């Protein structure tokens, strides 16, 4: 008797899992296909360039700054 109840519980859980997977697949099928077929647009090339220039500090500059 316990084996029959265990088999019924197992079968019910398995059926619930399969039903959930089927429901999710049917519900989100269009989104899954769209995600697989999506091709992103290439990023546009920047129309400007910014050069960041920074003067290097030397040991002499540091000593001069401390003396002042």
N, C-alpha and C. Protein backbone atom coordinates (compact mmCIF):
# COMPACT_ATOMS: atom_id res chain seq x y z
N UNK A 1 0.82 -1.20 0.00
CA UNK A 1 0.00 0.00 0.00
C UNK A 1 0.87 1.27 0.00
N UNK A 2 1.94 1.24 0.80
CA UNK A 2 2.84 2.39 0.85
C UNK A 2 3.50 2.60 -0.50
N UNK A 3 3.83 1.50 -1.17
CA UNK A 3 4.46 1.60 -2.49
C UNK A 3 3.52 2.23 -3.50
N UNK A 4 2.25 1.92 -3.41
CA UNK A 4 1.28 2.49 -4.34
C UNK A 4 1.14 4.00 -4.10
N UNK A 5 1.07 4.40 -2.84
CA UNK A 5 0.97 5.83 -2.51
C UNK A 5 2.23 6.56 -2.98
N UNK A 6 3.40 5.95 -2.74
CA UNK A 6 4.66 6.57 -3.17
C UNK A 6 4.70 6.70 -4.69
N UNK A 7 4.23 5.68 -5.40
CA UNK A 7 4.21 5.74 -6.86
C UNK A 7 3.25 6.82 -7.34
N UNK A 8 2.12 6.96 -6.69
CA UNK A 8 1.16 8.00 -7.08
C UNK A 8 1.73 9.40 -6.81
N UNK A 9 2.40 9.57 -5.67
CA UNK A 9 3.01 10.87 -5.37
C UNK A 9 4.09 11.20 -6.38
N UNK A 10 4.92 10.20 -6.71
CA UNK A 10 5.98 10.40 -7.70
C UNK A 10 5.38 10.75 -9.06
N UNK A 11 4.36 10.02 -9.48
CA UNK A 11 3.73 10.28 -10.78
C UNK A 11 3.09 11.67 -10.80
N UNK A 12 2.46 12.06 -9.70
CA UNK A 12 1.84 13.39 -9.65
C UNK A 12 2.90 14.48 -9.71
N UNK A 13 4.00 14.30 -9.00
CA UNK A 13 5.07 15.30 -9.04
C UNK A 13 5.69 15.38 -10.43
N UNK A 14 5.88 14.24 -11.06
CA UNK A 14 6.44 14.22 -12.41
C UNK A 14 5.49 14.90 -13.39
N UNK A 15 4.20 14.61 -13.28
CA UNK A 15 3.22 15.23 -14.17
C UNK A 15 3.16 16.74 -13.94
N UNK A 16 3.26 17.17 -12.69
CA UNK A 16 3.27 18.60 -12.39
C UNK A 16 4.50 19.27 -12.99
N UNK A 17 5.66 18.62 -12.90
CA UNK A 17 6.88 19.19 -13.47
C UNK A 17 6.78 19.29 -14.98
N UNK A 18 6.31 18.25 -15.63
CA UNK A 18 6.17 18.27 -17.09
C UNK A 18 5.14 19.31 -17.50
N UNK A 19 4.05 19.40 -16.77
CA UNK A 19 3.04 20.40 -17.07
C UNK A 19 3.57 21.82 -16.92
N UNK A 20 4.38 22.05 -15.89
CA UNK A 20 4.96 23.38 -15.69
C UNK A 20 5.91 23.73 -16.82
N UNK A 21 6.76 22.78 -17.22
CA UNK A 21 7.69 23.04 -18.33
C UNK A 21 6.94 23.30 -19.63
N UNK A 22 5.89 22.54 -19.88
CA UNK A 22 5.10 22.74 -21.10
C UNK A 22 4.41 24.10 -21.08
N UNK A 23 3.85 24.46 -19.94
CA UNK A 23 3.18 25.76 -19.81
C UNK A 23 4.16 26.91 -20.05
N UNK A 24 5.35 26.81 -19.45
CA UNK A 24 6.35 27.87 -19.63
C UNK A 24 6.82 27.94 -21.09
N UNK A 25 7.00 26.80 -21.72
CA UNK A 25 7.43 26.80 -23.12
C UNK A 25 6.37 27.44 -24.01
N UNK A 26 5.11 27.08 -23.80
CA UNK A 26 4.03 27.64 -24.61
C UNK A 26 3.89 29.14 -24.35
N UNK A 27 4.03 29.54 -23.10
CA UNK A 27 3.86 30.95 -22.74
C UNK A 27 4.98 31.82 -23.30
N UNK A 28 6.22 31.34 -23.22
CA UNK A 28 7.37 32.16 -23.58
C UNK A 28 8.02 31.76 -24.90
N UNK A 29 7.32 30.97 -25.72
CA UNK A 29 7.89 30.50 -26.99
C UNK A 29 8.28 31.66 -27.90
N UNK A 30 7.41 32.65 -28.04
CA UNK A 30 7.72 33.78 -28.92
C UNK A 30 8.94 34.56 -28.43
N UNK A 31 9.06 34.74 -27.13
CA UNK A 31 10.20 35.47 -26.59
C UNK A 31 11.49 34.68 -26.78
N UNK A 32 11.44 33.36 -26.64
CA UNK A 32 12.64 32.54 -26.82
C UNK A 32 13.11 32.59 -28.28
N UNK A 33 12.18 32.50 -29.21
CA UNK A 33 12.54 32.57 -30.63
C UNK A 33 13.10 33.95 -30.96
N UNK A 34 12.48 35.00 -30.44
CA UNK A 34 12.97 36.35 -30.70
C UNK A 34 14.38 36.55 -30.14
N UNK A 35 14.64 35.99 -28.96
CA UNK A 35 15.97 36.12 -28.37
C UNK A 35 17.02 35.37 -29.19
N UNK A 36 16.65 34.23 -29.75
CA UNK A 36 17.60 33.46 -30.56
C UNK A 36 17.86 34.13 -31.90
N UNK A 37 16.88 34.83 -32.44
CA UNK A 37 17.04 35.46 -33.75
C UNK A 37 17.54 36.90 -33.67
N UNK A 38 17.68 37.44 -32.48
CA UNK A 38 18.06 38.85 -32.29
C UNK A 38 19.50 39.08 -32.74
N UNK A 39 19.68 40.09 -33.56
CA UNK A 39 21.02 40.50 -33.98
C UNK A 39 21.18 41.97 -33.63
N UNK A 40 22.02 42.27 -32.66
CA UNK A 40 22.15 43.67 -32.23
C UNK A 40 22.75 44.54 -33.32
N UNK A 41 22.34 45.79 -33.32
CA UNK A 41 22.89 46.74 -34.29
C UNK A 41 24.32 47.08 -33.88
N UNK A 42 25.20 47.27 -34.85
CA UNK A 42 26.57 47.64 -34.48
C UNK A 42 26.60 49.03 -33.85
N UNK A 43 27.50 49.20 -32.92
CA UNK A 43 27.61 50.49 -32.24
C UNK A 43 28.14 51.53 -33.22
N UNK A 44 27.55 52.72 -33.21
CA UNK A 44 28.04 53.76 -34.13
C UNK A 44 29.44 54.22 -33.73
N UNK A 45 30.21 54.59 -34.73
CA UNK A 45 31.56 55.08 -34.47
C UNK A 45 31.47 56.48 -33.88
N UNK A 46 32.27 56.78 -32.88
CA UNK A 46 32.23 58.13 -32.32
C UNK A 46 32.70 59.15 -33.34
N UNK A 47 32.04 60.30 -33.36
CA UNK A 47 32.38 61.32 -34.34
C UNK A 47 33.36 62.34 -33.79
N UNK A 48 33.90 62.09 -32.65
CA UNK A 48 34.86 63.00 -32.06
C UNK A 48 35.92 62.17 -31.33
N UNK A 49 37.04 62.80 -31.06
CA UNK A 49 38.04 62.15 -30.23
C UNK A 49 38.56 63.16 -29.23
N UNK A 50 38.76 62.71 -28.05
CA UNK A 50 39.23 63.58 -26.98
C UNK A 50 40.59 63.08 -26.54
N UNK A 51 41.57 63.95 -26.60
CA UNK A 51 42.91 63.60 -26.14
C UNK A 51 43.09 64.15 -24.73
N UNK A 52 43.44 63.28 -23.83
CA UNK A 52 43.68 63.69 -22.45
C UNK A 52 45.18 63.78 -22.26
N UNK A 53 45.65 65.00 -22.05
CA UNK A 53 47.08 65.22 -21.88
C UNK A 53 47.34 65.60 -20.43
N UNK A 54 48.33 64.97 -19.86
CA UNK A 54 48.69 65.26 -18.48
C UNK A 54 50.21 65.35 -18.40
N UNK A 55 50.68 66.44 -17.87
CA UNK A 55 52.13 66.58 -17.77
C UNK A 55 52.64 65.69 -16.65
N UNK A 56 53.77 65.09 -16.89
CA UNK A 56 54.38 64.22 -15.90
C UNK A 56 55.15 65.05 -14.88
N UNK A 57 55.02 64.69 -13.65
CA UNK A 57 55.77 65.39 -12.61
C UNK A 57 57.07 64.66 -12.39
N UNK A 58 58.11 65.39 -12.28
CA UNK A 58 59.42 64.80 -12.04
C UNK A 58 59.80 65.00 -10.58
N UNK A 59 60.90 64.40 -10.20
CA UNK A 59 61.39 64.56 -8.83
C UNK A 59 61.74 66.01 -8.56
N UNK A 60 62.30 66.67 -9.56
CA UNK A 60 62.67 68.08 -9.39
C UNK A 60 61.42 68.95 -9.17
N UNK A 61 60.34 68.64 -9.88
CA UNK A 61 59.10 69.39 -9.69
C UNK A 61 58.58 69.22 -8.26
N UNK A 62 58.65 68.00 -7.76
CA UNK A 62 58.17 67.73 -6.41
C UNK A 62 59.02 68.47 -5.38
N UNK A 63 60.32 68.48 -5.57
CA UNK A 63 61.19 69.19 -4.63
C UNK A 63 60.95 70.69 -4.70
N UNK A 64 60.71 71.20 -5.89
CA UNK A 64 60.44 72.63 -6.05
C UNK A 64 59.13 73.00 -5.36
N UNK A 65 58.12 72.12 -5.48
CA UNK A 65 56.83 72.40 -4.86
C UNK A 65 56.95 72.39 -3.34
N UNK A 66 57.77 71.50 -2.80
CA UNK A 66 57.94 71.44 -1.35
C UNK A 66 58.70 72.66 -0.83
N UNK A 67 59.64 73.15 -1.63
CA UNK A 67 60.44 74.29 -1.20
C UNK A 67 59.63 75.58 -1.21
N UNK A 68 58.62 75.65 -2.05
CA UNK A 68 57.88 76.90 -2.19
C UNK A 68 56.88 77.12 -1.11
